[in-house]
Amino acid sequence: MMQEIDRCQMAVDKALNNKEVAVISSGDAGVYGMAGLVLELLMKIDATKRPEVKIIAGISAVNAAAAILGAPLMHDFAVISLSDLLTPWDLIKKRADLVAQGDFVVALYNPKSKKRTQHIEEIQQIMLQHKSPDTPVGIVHSVSRAEEKAVISTLGEFTKEEINMFSLVIIGNSKTYVKDDFMITPRGYHL
């Protein structure tokens, strides 16, 4: 952490010296990964000298977590990182408020760290202004890793669960429900 620019610059420098380079991100390189930073660095180089780039899609944590929980992302959804290292906290709160007003399902990356212990509670309060306390919330820890575990709670209670930097939180919309341990957001088909 905090050395992303140096790592990506090293990869770009090696590529400029005719080396084959791979920059590997967990999840999907284009979803809170390194693809954007690599491209930003490459765009500073004359186009005629720029090495060829290929971005390979991965499985993002939000998609993997959704599959573990059931089908919570079947309708419109938003993804927000609660890390305020690169985005001001007031902007993150504004985005969360707008997403809640729009009744989107929302996935929260980086929900809680050792230094950021209260952000998740602030987001919970913002969501409760627009969503029912009974709204289903899924929390998946260590998505696609050996320590993976999931719990389904409610918007009013989910902050009592274990949440850390290895967690991904998915808050449902007004139609999301839980049945037989599956979190489901209906698309709107008439069954």
N, C-alpha and C. Protein backbone atom coordinates (compact mmCIF):
# COMPACT_ATOMS: atom_id res chain seq x y z
N MET A 1 0.83 -1.18 0.00
CA MET A 1 0.00 0.00 0.00
C MET A 1 0.88 1.25 0.00
N MET A 2 0.39 2.27 -0.65
CA MET A 2 1.03 3.58 -0.72
C MET A 2 2.28 3.61 -1.62
N GLN A 3 2.55 2.52 -2.34
CA GLN A 3 3.68 2.49 -3.27
C GLN A 3 3.19 2.16 -4.68
N GLU A 4 1.90 2.37 -4.93
CA GLU A 4 1.32 1.99 -6.21
C GLU A 4 1.97 2.73 -7.38
N ILE A 5 2.20 4.02 -7.22
CA ILE A 5 2.80 4.79 -8.32
C ILE A 5 4.20 4.27 -8.62
N ASP A 6 4.99 4.03 -7.59
CA ASP A 6 6.36 3.51 -7.80
C ASP A 6 6.34 2.16 -8.49
N ARG A 7 5.43 1.27 -8.08
CA ARG A 7 5.35 -0.06 -8.68
C ARG A 7 4.96 0.03 -10.15
N CYS A 8 3.95 0.85 -10.43
CA CYS A 8 3.51 0.98 -11.82
C CYS A 8 4.56 1.69 -12.68
N GLN A 9 5.24 2.68 -12.14
CA GLN A 9 6.29 3.37 -12.88
C GLN A 9 7.43 2.41 -13.20
N MET A 10 7.76 1.52 -12.26
CA MET A 10 8.81 0.53 -12.50
C MET A 10 8.41 -0.38 -13.66
N ALA A 11 7.14 -0.78 -13.69
CA ALA A 11 6.66 -1.64 -14.77
C ALA A 11 6.73 -0.91 -16.11
N VAL A 12 6.31 0.36 -16.13
CA VAL A 12 6.35 1.15 -17.37
C VAL A 12 7.79 1.31 -17.83
N ASP A 13 8.70 1.60 -16.91
CA ASP A 13 10.12 1.76 -17.27
C ASP A 13 10.69 0.49 -17.88
N LYS A 14 10.35 -0.65 -17.30
CA LYS A 14 10.83 -1.93 -17.84
C LYS A 14 10.26 -2.17 -19.24
N ALA A 15 8.98 -1.84 -19.42
CA ALA A 15 8.35 -2.02 -20.74
C ALA A 15 9.01 -1.12 -21.77
N LEU A 16 9.39 0.09 -21.36
CA LEU A 16 10.07 1.01 -22.28
C LEU A 16 11.45 0.49 -22.67
N ASN A 17 12.00 -0.42 -21.86
CA ASN A 17 13.29 -1.04 -22.16
C ASN A 17 13.10 -2.41 -22.81
N ASN A 18 11.99 -2.55 -23.53
CA ASN A 18 11.69 -3.76 -24.31
C ASN A 18 11.55 -5.03 -23.48
N LYS A 19 11.11 -4.90 -22.26
CA LYS A 19 10.84 -6.07 -21.42
C LYS A 19 9.33 -6.34 -21.45
N GLU A 20 8.96 -7.63 -21.36
CA GLU A 20 7.56 -7.97 -21.19
C GLU A 20 7.25 -7.85 -19.71
N VAL A 21 6.20 -7.12 -19.40
CA VAL A 21 5.88 -6.82 -18.01
C VAL A 21 4.42 -7.15 -17.74
N ALA A 22 4.15 -7.65 -16.55
CA ALA A 22 2.78 -7.86 -16.10
C ALA A 22 2.61 -7.15 -14.76
N VAL A 23 1.57 -6.34 -14.66
CA VAL A 23 1.20 -5.71 -13.40
C VAL A 23 -0.06 -6.44 -12.95
N ILE A 24 0.03 -7.08 -11.82
CA ILE A 24 -1.06 -7.93 -11.36
C ILE A 24 -1.75 -7.27 -10.17
N SER A 25 -3.07 -7.17 -10.26
CA SER A 25 -3.90 -6.64 -9.18
C SER A 25 -4.81 -7.76 -8.69
N SER A 26 -5.17 -7.71 -7.42
CA SER A 26 -6.18 -8.66 -6.97
C SER A 26 -7.52 -8.25 -7.58
N GLY A 27 -8.41 -9.18 -7.71
CA GLY A 27 -9.71 -8.87 -8.31
C GLY A 27 -9.56 -8.50 -9.77
N ASP A 28 -10.21 -7.42 -10.17
CA ASP A 28 -10.15 -6.95 -11.54
C ASP A 28 -9.22 -5.74 -11.59
N ALA A 29 -8.30 -5.74 -12.55
CA ALA A 29 -7.31 -4.66 -12.66
C ALA A 29 -7.94 -3.29 -12.86
N GLY A 30 -9.15 -3.26 -13.41
CA GLY A 30 -9.82 -1.99 -13.68
C GLY A 30 -10.82 -1.57 -12.61
N VAL A 31 -10.98 -2.35 -11.56
CA VAL A 31 -11.89 -2.01 -10.47
C VAL A 31 -11.06 -1.87 -9.20
N TYR A 32 -10.71 -0.65 -8.88
CA TYR A 32 -9.82 -0.34 -7.75
C TYR A 32 -8.49 -1.08 -7.88
N GLY A 33 -8.07 -1.34 -9.10
CA GLY A 33 -6.82 -2.02 -9.36
C GLY A 33 -5.80 -1.08 -9.98
N MET A 34 -4.83 -1.63 -10.69
CA MET A 34 -3.70 -0.86 -11.20
C MET A 34 -3.84 -0.44 -12.67
N ALA A 35 -4.85 -0.91 -13.37
CA ALA A 35 -4.95 -0.60 -14.80
C ALA A 35 -5.00 0.90 -15.07
N GLY A 36 -5.80 1.61 -14.34
CA GLY A 36 -5.92 3.06 -14.56
C GLY A 36 -4.64 3.80 -14.33
N LEU A 37 -3.92 3.45 -13.27
CA LEU A 37 -2.66 4.11 -12.96
C LEU A 37 -1.62 3.82 -14.04
N VAL A 38 -1.54 2.57 -14.49
CA VAL A 38 -0.59 2.24 -15.56
C VAL A 38 -0.92 3.05 -16.81
N LEU A 39 -2.20 3.12 -17.16
CA LEU A 39 -2.59 3.89 -18.35
C LEU A 39 -2.28 5.38 -18.18
N GLU A 40 -2.52 5.93 -17.00
CA GLU A 40 -2.21 7.34 -16.78
C GLU A 40 -0.72 7.60 -16.97
N LEU A 41 0.12 6.71 -16.46
CA LEU A 41 1.57 6.87 -16.63
C LEU A 41 1.96 6.73 -18.10
N LEU A 42 1.36 5.78 -18.79
CA LEU A 42 1.67 5.59 -20.21
C LEU A 42 1.24 6.78 -21.07
N MET A 43 0.16 7.45 -20.69
CA MET A 43 -0.33 8.58 -21.47
C MET A 43 0.62 9.79 -21.39
N LYS A 44 1.56 9.76 -20.48
CA LYS A 44 2.55 10.83 -20.38
C LYS A 44 3.70 10.63 -21.38
N ILE A 45 3.70 9.46 -22.03
CA ILE A 45 4.76 9.10 -22.97
C ILE A 45 4.27 9.36 -24.39
N ASP A 46 5.14 9.83 -25.23
CA ASP A 46 4.83 10.06 -26.65
C ASP A 46 4.20 8.79 -27.22
N ALA A 47 3.08 8.93 -27.91
CA ALA A 47 2.33 7.79 -28.43
C ALA A 47 3.18 6.89 -29.32
N THR A 48 4.15 7.46 -30.03
CA THR A 48 4.98 6.65 -30.93
C THR A 48 5.98 5.78 -30.16
N LYS A 49 6.22 6.10 -28.90
CA LYS A 49 7.18 5.34 -28.08
C LYS A 49 6.50 4.46 -27.04
N ARG A 50 5.19 4.56 -26.96
CA ARG A 50 4.41 3.85 -25.94
C ARG A 50 4.40 2.35 -26.23
N PRO A 51 4.69 1.51 -25.23
CA PRO A 51 4.61 0.06 -25.44
C PRO A 51 3.15 -0.40 -25.56
N GLU A 52 2.97 -1.53 -26.18
CA GLU A 52 1.63 -2.11 -26.31
C GLU A 52 1.11 -2.50 -24.93
N VAL A 53 -0.18 -2.27 -24.71
CA VAL A 53 -0.80 -2.59 -23.42
C VAL A 53 -2.01 -3.48 -23.66
N LYS A 54 -2.16 -4.47 -22.83
CA LYS A 54 -3.35 -5.31 -22.86
C LYS A 54 -3.84 -5.46 -21.43
N ILE A 55 -5.09 -5.07 -21.20
CA ILE A 55 -5.68 -5.21 -19.88
C ILE A 55 -6.56 -6.44 -19.89
N ILE A 56 -6.31 -7.33 -18.96
CA ILE A 56 -7.05 -8.58 -18.89
C ILE A 56 -8.03 -8.50 -17.72
N ALA A 57 -9.29 -8.71 -18.01
CA ALA A 57 -10.32 -8.64 -16.97
C ALA A 57 -10.17 -9.78 -15.98
N GLY A 58 -10.48 -9.46 -14.76
CA GLY A 58 -10.51 -10.46 -13.70
C GLY A 58 -11.90 -10.49 -13.10
N ILE A 59 -12.03 -11.18 -12.02
CA ILE A 59 -13.31 -11.21 -11.30
C ILE A 59 -13.18 -10.22 -10.15
N SER A 60 -13.99 -9.18 -10.17
CA SER A 60 -13.94 -8.19 -9.11
C SER A 60 -14.50 -8.77 -7.82
N ALA A 61 -14.06 -8.23 -6.70
CA ALA A 61 -14.53 -8.70 -5.40
C ALA A 61 -16.04 -8.55 -5.28
N VAL A 62 -16.61 -7.49 -5.87
CA VAL A 62 -18.05 -7.28 -5.76
C VAL A 62 -18.81 -8.39 -6.47
N ASN A 63 -18.34 -8.85 -7.61
CA ASN A 63 -19.01 -9.95 -8.31
C ASN A 63 -18.84 -11.27 -7.58
N ALA A 64 -17.64 -11.52 -7.07
CA ALA A 64 -17.40 -12.76 -6.33
C ALA A 64 -18.23 -12.77 -5.04
N ALA A 65 -18.27 -11.65 -4.32
CA ALA A 65 -19.06 -11.58 -3.08
C ALA A 65 -20.54 -11.77 -3.37
N ALA A 66 -21.02 -11.15 -4.44
CA ALA A 66 -22.44 -11.28 -4.80
C ALA A 66 -22.80 -12.74 -5.05
N ALA A 67 -21.94 -13.46 -5.73
CA ALA A 67 -22.20 -14.88 -6.01
C ALA A 67 -22.25 -15.70 -4.73
N ILE A 68 -21.42 -15.35 -3.77
CA ILE A 68 -21.42 -16.06 -2.48
C ILE A 68 -22.72 -15.79 -1.73
N LEU A 69 -23.22 -14.57 -1.81
CA LEU A 69 -24.44 -14.18 -1.09
C LEU A 69 -25.71 -14.63 -1.80
N GLY A 70 -25.66 -14.86 -3.08
CA GLY A 70 -26.83 -15.23 -3.86
C GLY A 70 -26.91 -14.42 -5.12
N ALA A 71 -27.83 -13.44 -5.14
CA ALA A 71 -28.01 -12.60 -6.33
C ALA A 71 -28.42 -11.18 -5.91
N PRO A 72 -27.59 -10.50 -5.12
CA PRO A 72 -27.98 -9.17 -4.67
C PRO A 72 -27.79 -8.07 -5.71
N LEU A 73 -27.07 -8.33 -6.79
CA LEU A 73 -26.77 -7.29 -7.79
C LEU A 73 -27.60 -7.43 -9.06
N MET A 74 -28.78 -7.99 -8.96
CA MET A 74 -29.59 -8.25 -10.15
C MET A 74 -30.25 -7.00 -10.73
N HIS A 75 -30.20 -5.91 -9.99
CA HIS A 75 -30.75 -4.65 -10.49
C HIS A 75 -29.66 -3.60 -10.38
N ASP A 76 -29.98 -2.34 -10.66
CA ASP A 76 -28.98 -1.28 -10.64
C ASP A 76 -28.24 -1.23 -9.31
N PHE A 77 -26.93 -1.05 -9.40
CA PHE A 77 -26.13 -0.98 -8.18
C PHE A 77 -24.96 -0.02 -8.37
N ALA A 78 -24.40 0.38 -7.24
CA ALA A 78 -23.24 1.27 -7.22
C ALA A 78 -22.17 0.65 -6.34
N VAL A 79 -20.93 1.04 -6.60
CA VAL A 79 -19.80 0.57 -5.80
C VAL A 79 -19.08 1.81 -5.26
N ILE A 80 -18.84 1.82 -3.96
CA ILE A 80 -18.15 2.94 -3.32
C ILE A 80 -17.05 2.40 -2.43
N SER A 81 -15.88 2.99 -2.52
CA SER A 81 -14.81 2.67 -1.58
C SER A 81 -14.89 3.67 -0.42
N LEU A 82 -14.80 3.16 0.79
CA LEU A 82 -14.83 4.04 1.96
C LEU A 82 -13.43 4.51 2.36
N SER A 83 -12.43 4.17 1.58
CA SER A 83 -11.08 4.65 1.85
C SER A 83 -10.99 6.13 1.46
N ASP A 84 -10.57 6.94 2.42
CA ASP A 84 -10.43 8.36 2.15
C ASP A 84 -8.97 8.77 1.91
N LEU A 85 -8.14 7.81 1.54
CA LEU A 85 -6.74 8.12 1.24
C LEU A 85 -6.62 8.94 -0.05
N LEU A 86 -7.45 8.65 -1.04
CA LEU A 86 -7.38 9.34 -2.33
C LEU A 86 -8.64 10.12 -2.68
N THR A 87 -9.69 9.94 -1.89
CA THR A 87 -10.96 10.63 -2.12
C THR A 87 -11.39 11.28 -0.80
N PRO A 88 -11.74 12.56 -0.82
CA PRO A 88 -12.15 13.22 0.42
C PRO A 88 -13.39 12.56 1.04
N TRP A 89 -13.39 12.46 2.35
CA TRP A 89 -14.47 11.79 3.07
C TRP A 89 -15.82 12.46 2.80
N ASP A 90 -15.87 13.79 2.71
CA ASP A 90 -17.14 14.48 2.43
C ASP A 90 -17.71 14.07 1.07
N LEU A 91 -16.86 13.84 0.09
CA LEU A 91 -17.32 13.40 -1.22
C LEU A 91 -17.86 11.96 -1.15
N ILE A 92 -17.19 11.11 -0.39
CA ILE A 92 -17.65 9.73 -0.21
C ILE A 92 -19.03 9.73 0.44
N LYS A 93 -19.22 10.54 1.47
CA LYS A 93 -20.53 10.62 2.14
C LYS A 93 -21.60 11.15 1.19
N LYS A 94 -21.26 12.12 0.37
CA LYS A 94 -22.22 12.66 -0.60
C LYS A 94 -22.65 11.57 -1.58
N ARG A 95 -21.68 10.81 -2.08
CA ARG A 95 -22.00 9.73 -3.01
C ARG A 95 -22.90 8.69 -2.35
N ALA A 96 -22.58 8.34 -1.09
CA ALA A 96 -23.40 7.36 -0.37
C ALA A 96 -24.83 7.87 -0.20
N ASP A 97 -24.98 9.15 0.10
CA ASP A 97 -26.31 9.73 0.26
C ASP A 97 -27.09 9.68 -1.05
N LEU A 98 -26.45 10.02 -2.15
CA LEU A 98 -27.13 10.01 -3.44
C LEU A 98 -27.51 8.59 -3.86
N VAL A 99 -26.65 7.63 -3.59
CA VAL A 99 -26.94 6.23 -3.91
C VAL A 99 -28.13 5.75 -3.08
N ALA A 100 -28.15 6.12 -1.80
CA ALA A 100 -29.27 5.72 -0.93
C ALA A 100 -30.57 6.37 -1.41
N GLN A 101 -30.51 7.64 -1.78
CA GLN A 101 -31.71 8.32 -2.28
C GLN A 101 -32.24 7.65 -3.54
N GLY A 102 -31.35 7.16 -4.37
CA GLY A 102 -31.72 6.51 -5.63
C GLY A 102 -32.16 5.07 -5.46
N ASP A 103 -32.16 4.55 -4.24
CA ASP A 103 -32.54 3.17 -3.94
C ASP A 103 -31.70 2.15 -4.71
N PHE A 104 -30.43 2.47 -4.89
CA PHE A 104 -29.51 1.52 -5.48
C PHE A 104 -29.08 0.47 -4.46
N VAL A 105 -28.78 -0.73 -4.92
CA VAL A 105 -27.97 -1.64 -4.13
C VAL A 105 -26.59 -1.01 -4.12
N VAL A 106 -25.89 -1.09 -3.01
CA VAL A 106 -24.56 -0.49 -2.94
C VAL A 106 -23.57 -1.48 -2.34
N ALA A 107 -22.42 -1.59 -2.99
CA ALA A 107 -21.33 -2.42 -2.48
C ALA A 107 -20.26 -1.49 -1.93
N LEU A 108 -19.77 -1.80 -0.75
CA LEU A 108 -18.76 -0.98 -0.09
C LEU A 108 -17.44 -1.72 -0.01
N TYR A 109 -16.46 -1.17 -0.71
CA TYR A 109 -15.08 -1.65 -0.60
C TYR A 109 -14.41 -0.91 0.54
N ASN A 110 -13.37 -1.49 1.11
CA ASN A 110 -12.57 -0.87 2.17
C ASN A 110 -13.45 -0.29 3.28
N PRO A 111 -14.36 -1.09 3.83
CA PRO A 111 -15.35 -0.53 4.74
C PRO A 111 -14.81 -0.09 6.10
N LYS A 112 -13.73 -0.69 6.54
CA LYS A 112 -13.23 -0.36 7.87
C LYS A 112 -11.76 -0.75 7.97
N SER A 113 -10.97 0.11 8.57
CA SER A 113 -9.56 -0.20 8.79
C SER A 113 -9.22 0.10 10.25
N LYS A 114 -7.99 -0.15 10.61
CA LYS A 114 -7.57 0.14 11.99
C LYS A 114 -7.68 1.63 12.30
N LYS A 115 -7.43 2.49 11.30
CA LYS A 115 -7.52 3.93 11.50
C LYS A 115 -8.92 4.46 11.24
N ARG A 116 -9.64 3.86 10.31
CA ARG A 116 -10.98 4.32 9.93
C ARG A 116 -12.03 3.41 10.54
N THR A 117 -12.31 3.61 11.81
CA THR A 117 -13.25 2.73 12.49
C THR A 117 -14.69 3.24 12.46
N GLN A 118 -14.89 4.53 12.26
CA GLN A 118 -16.23 5.11 12.34
C GLN A 118 -16.90 5.34 10.98
N HIS A 119 -16.15 5.27 9.91
CA HIS A 119 -16.72 5.56 8.59
C HIS A 119 -17.93 4.66 8.29
N ILE A 120 -17.83 3.39 8.61
CA ILE A 120 -18.90 2.46 8.29
C ILE A 120 -20.18 2.82 9.05
N GLU A 121 -20.03 3.28 10.31
CA GLU A 121 -21.20 3.71 11.07
C GLU A 121 -21.81 4.97 10.48
N GLU A 122 -20.98 5.87 9.99
CA GLU A 122 -21.51 7.08 9.34
C GLU A 122 -22.29 6.72 8.07
N ILE A 123 -21.76 5.79 7.31
CA ILE A 123 -22.45 5.35 6.10
C ILE A 123 -23.77 4.67 6.46
N GLN A 124 -23.74 3.87 7.51
CA GLN A 124 -24.97 3.22 7.98
C GLN A 124 -26.04 4.28 8.28
N GLN A 125 -25.67 5.34 8.99
CA GLN A 125 -26.63 6.39 9.34
C GLN A 125 -27.15 7.12 8.10
N ILE A 126 -26.27 7.35 7.14
CA ILE A 126 -26.71 7.98 5.88
C ILE A 126 -27.73 7.08 5.17
N MET A 127 -27.42 5.79 5.10
CA MET A 127 -28.32 4.85 4.43
C MET A 127 -29.66 4.76 5.15
N LEU A 128 -29.64 4.79 6.49
CA LEU A 128 -30.88 4.68 7.27
C LEU A 128 -31.81 5.88 7.07
N GLN A 129 -31.28 6.99 6.57
CA GLN A 129 -32.13 8.14 6.27
C GLN A 129 -33.05 7.86 5.08
N HIS A 130 -32.67 6.87 4.25
CA HIS A 130 -33.42 6.60 3.01
C HIS A 130 -33.86 5.15 2.86
N LYS A 131 -33.35 4.27 3.70
CA LYS A 131 -33.65 2.84 3.57
C LYS A 131 -34.17 2.30 4.90
N SER A 132 -34.95 1.25 4.83
CA SER A 132 -35.49 0.61 6.03
C SER A 132 -34.37 -0.08 6.82
N PRO A 133 -34.47 -0.07 8.16
CA PRO A 133 -33.48 -0.80 8.97
C PRO A 133 -33.48 -2.30 8.67
N ASP A 134 -34.56 -2.81 8.09
CA ASP A 134 -34.65 -4.24 7.76
C ASP A 134 -34.03 -4.59 6.41
N THR A 135 -33.50 -3.59 5.69
CA THR A 135 -32.87 -3.84 4.40
C THR A 135 -31.75 -4.87 4.58
N PRO A 136 -31.74 -5.92 3.78
CA PRO A 136 -30.68 -6.93 3.90
C PRO A 136 -29.29 -6.36 3.57
N VAL A 137 -28.32 -6.82 4.34
CA VAL A 137 -26.92 -6.45 4.13
C VAL A 137 -26.08 -7.71 4.20
N GLY A 138 -25.30 -7.95 3.16
CA GLY A 138 -24.38 -9.09 3.14
C GLY A 138 -22.96 -8.62 3.37
N ILE A 139 -22.23 -9.37 4.16
CA ILE A 139 -20.82 -9.07 4.42
C ILE A 139 -20.03 -10.32 4.07
N VAL A 140 -19.07 -10.18 3.17
CA VAL A 140 -18.22 -11.31 2.80
C VAL A 140 -16.78 -10.94 3.14
N HIS A 141 -16.14 -11.80 3.91
CA HIS A 141 -14.75 -11.59 4.32
C HIS A 141 -13.84 -12.44 3.44
N SER A 142 -12.71 -11.90 3.08
CA SER A 142 -11.67 -12.63 2.34
C SER A 142 -12.26 -13.34 1.13
N VAL A 143 -12.93 -12.57 0.28
CA VAL A 143 -13.59 -13.11 -0.91
C VAL A 143 -12.61 -13.95 -1.73
N SER A 144 -13.02 -15.15 -2.08
CA SER A 144 -12.27 -16.09 -2.93
C SER A 144 -10.92 -16.50 -2.33
N ARG A 145 -10.80 -16.42 -1.02
CA ARG A 145 -9.59 -16.88 -0.33
C ARG A 145 -9.97 -17.99 0.63
N ALA A 146 -8.98 -18.68 1.15
CA ALA A 146 -9.23 -19.83 2.03
C ALA A 146 -10.04 -19.43 3.26
N GLU A 147 -9.88 -18.20 3.74
CA GLU A 147 -10.56 -17.75 4.96
C GLU A 147 -11.95 -17.19 4.69
N GLU A 148 -12.44 -17.33 3.47
CA GLU A 148 -13.71 -16.74 3.07
C GLU A 148 -14.84 -17.15 4.01
N LYS A 149 -15.65 -16.13 4.38
CA LYS A 149 -16.88 -16.41 5.13
C LYS A 149 -17.86 -15.29 4.85
N ALA A 150 -19.13 -15.61 4.98
CA ALA A 150 -20.18 -14.64 4.67
C ALA A 150 -21.23 -14.64 5.77
N VAL A 151 -21.84 -13.47 5.95
CA VAL A 151 -22.94 -13.34 6.90
C VAL A 151 -23.95 -12.38 6.27
N ILE A 152 -25.23 -12.64 6.52
CA ILE A 152 -26.28 -11.74 6.07
C ILE A 152 -26.93 -11.14 7.31
N SER A 153 -27.04 -9.84 7.32
CA SER A 153 -27.59 -9.09 8.45
C SER A 153 -28.62 -8.10 7.91
N THR A 154 -28.84 -7.03 8.65
CA THR A 154 -29.75 -5.97 8.21
C THR A 154 -29.03 -4.63 8.32
N LEU A 155 -29.59 -3.63 7.66
CA LEU A 155 -28.99 -2.30 7.69
C LEU A 155 -28.95 -1.77 9.12
N GLY A 156 -29.93 -2.07 9.91
CA GLY A 156 -29.95 -1.59 11.28
C GLY A 156 -28.96 -2.27 12.20
N GLU A 157 -28.50 -3.48 11.82
CA GLU A 157 -27.66 -4.29 12.72
C GLU A 157 -26.28 -4.65 12.19
N PHE A 158 -26.01 -4.44 10.91
CA PHE A 158 -24.81 -5.02 10.30
C PHE A 158 -23.50 -4.54 10.88
N THR A 159 -23.47 -3.34 11.46
CA THR A 159 -22.20 -2.84 12.01
C THR A 159 -21.78 -3.57 13.28
N LYS A 160 -22.64 -4.42 13.80
CA LYS A 160 -22.29 -5.25 14.96
C LYS A 160 -21.48 -6.47 14.54
N GLU A 161 -21.46 -6.73 13.23
CA GLU A 161 -20.71 -7.88 12.69
C GLU A 161 -19.24 -7.51 12.52
N GLU A 162 -18.41 -8.53 12.37
CA GLU A 162 -16.99 -8.28 12.08
C GLU A 162 -16.88 -7.65 10.69
N ILE A 163 -16.21 -6.50 10.63
CA ILE A 163 -15.98 -5.82 9.36
C ILE A 163 -14.57 -5.26 9.40
N ASN A 164 -13.80 -5.50 8.32
CA ASN A 164 -12.43 -4.99 8.25
C ASN A 164 -12.06 -4.73 6.79
N MET A 165 -10.79 -4.49 6.53
CA MET A 165 -10.34 -4.19 5.17
C MET A 165 -10.46 -5.38 4.22
N PHE A 166 -10.64 -6.57 4.77
CA PHE A 166 -10.80 -7.75 3.93
C PHE A 166 -12.28 -8.09 3.73
N SER A 167 -13.15 -7.18 4.13
CA SER A 167 -14.59 -7.38 3.99
C SER A 167 -15.12 -6.59 2.81
N LEU A 168 -16.17 -7.10 2.22
CA LEU A 168 -16.94 -6.36 1.22
C LEU A 168 -18.38 -6.39 1.70
N VAL A 169 -19.00 -5.23 1.76
CA VAL A 169 -20.36 -5.09 2.28
C VAL A 169 -21.30 -4.78 1.11
N ILE A 170 -22.41 -5.50 1.03
CA ILE A 170 -23.42 -5.22 0.01
C ILE A 170 -24.73 -4.91 0.72
N ILE A 171 -25.22 -3.68 0.50
CA ILE A 171 -26.47 -3.22 1.10
C ILE A 171 -27.54 -3.27 0.02
N GLY A 172 -28.63 -3.95 0.29
CA GLY A 172 -29.68 -4.12 -0.69
C GLY A 172 -30.48 -2.86 -0.96
N ASN A 173 -31.41 -2.96 -1.90
CA ASN A 173 -32.35 -1.86 -2.16
C ASN A 173 -33.68 -2.20 -1.50
N SER A 174 -34.72 -1.43 -1.79
CA SER A 174 -36.01 -1.62 -1.11
C SER A 174 -36.68 -2.94 -1.49
N LYS A 175 -36.26 -3.57 -2.56
CA LYS A 175 -36.86 -4.84 -3.01
C LYS A 175 -36.02 -6.06 -2.62
N THR A 176 -34.81 -5.85 -2.15
CA THR A 176 -33.93 -6.96 -1.80
C THR A 176 -34.52 -7.75 -0.63
N TYR A 177 -34.44 -9.06 -0.71
CA TYR A 177 -34.93 -9.90 0.39
C TYR A 177 -33.98 -11.08 0.60
N VAL A 178 -34.19 -11.80 1.70
CA VAL A 178 -33.40 -12.98 2.02
C VAL A 178 -34.34 -14.16 2.12
N LYS A 179 -33.99 -15.25 1.46
CA LYS A 179 -34.76 -16.49 1.55
C LYS A 179 -33.79 -17.66 1.46
N ASP A 180 -33.93 -18.59 2.38
CA ASP A 180 -33.08 -19.80 2.41
C ASP A 180 -31.60 -19.44 2.31
N ASP A 181 -31.18 -18.45 3.05
CA ASP A 181 -29.78 -18.01 3.12
C ASP A 181 -29.26 -17.39 1.83
N PHE A 182 -30.14 -16.97 0.95
CA PHE A 182 -29.75 -16.26 -0.26
C PHE A 182 -30.25 -14.83 -0.18
N MET A 183 -29.39 -13.90 -0.54
CA MET A 183 -29.77 -12.49 -0.64
C MET A 183 -30.13 -12.25 -2.10
N ILE A 184 -31.36 -11.79 -2.34
CA ILE A 184 -31.88 -11.69 -3.71
C ILE A 184 -32.43 -10.29 -3.94
N THR A 185 -32.01 -9.67 -5.03
CA THR A 185 -32.61 -8.42 -5.48
C THR A 185 -33.33 -8.72 -6.78
N PRO A 186 -34.67 -8.71 -6.76
CA PRO A 186 -35.40 -9.05 -7.98
C PRO A 186 -35.16 -8.04 -9.10
N ARG A 187 -35.12 -8.52 -10.30
CA ARG A 187 -34.94 -7.68 -11.47
C ARG A 187 -36.25 -7.03 -11.89
N GLY A 188 -37.36 -7.66 -11.51
CA GLY A 188 -38.66 -7.11 -11.84
C GLY A 188 -39.48 -7.99 -12.75
N TYR A 189 -39.00 -9.21 -13.00
CA TYR A 189 -39.77 -10.16 -13.81
C TYR A 189 -41.06 -10.51 -13.06
N HIS A 190 -42.13 -10.68 -13.78
CA HIS A 190 -43.42 -11.05 -13.16
C HIS A 190 -43.51 -12.56 -13.12
N LEU A 191 -43.32 -13.11 -11.93
CA LEU A 191 -43.36 -14.57 -11.77
C LEU A 191 -44.72 -15.04 -11.32
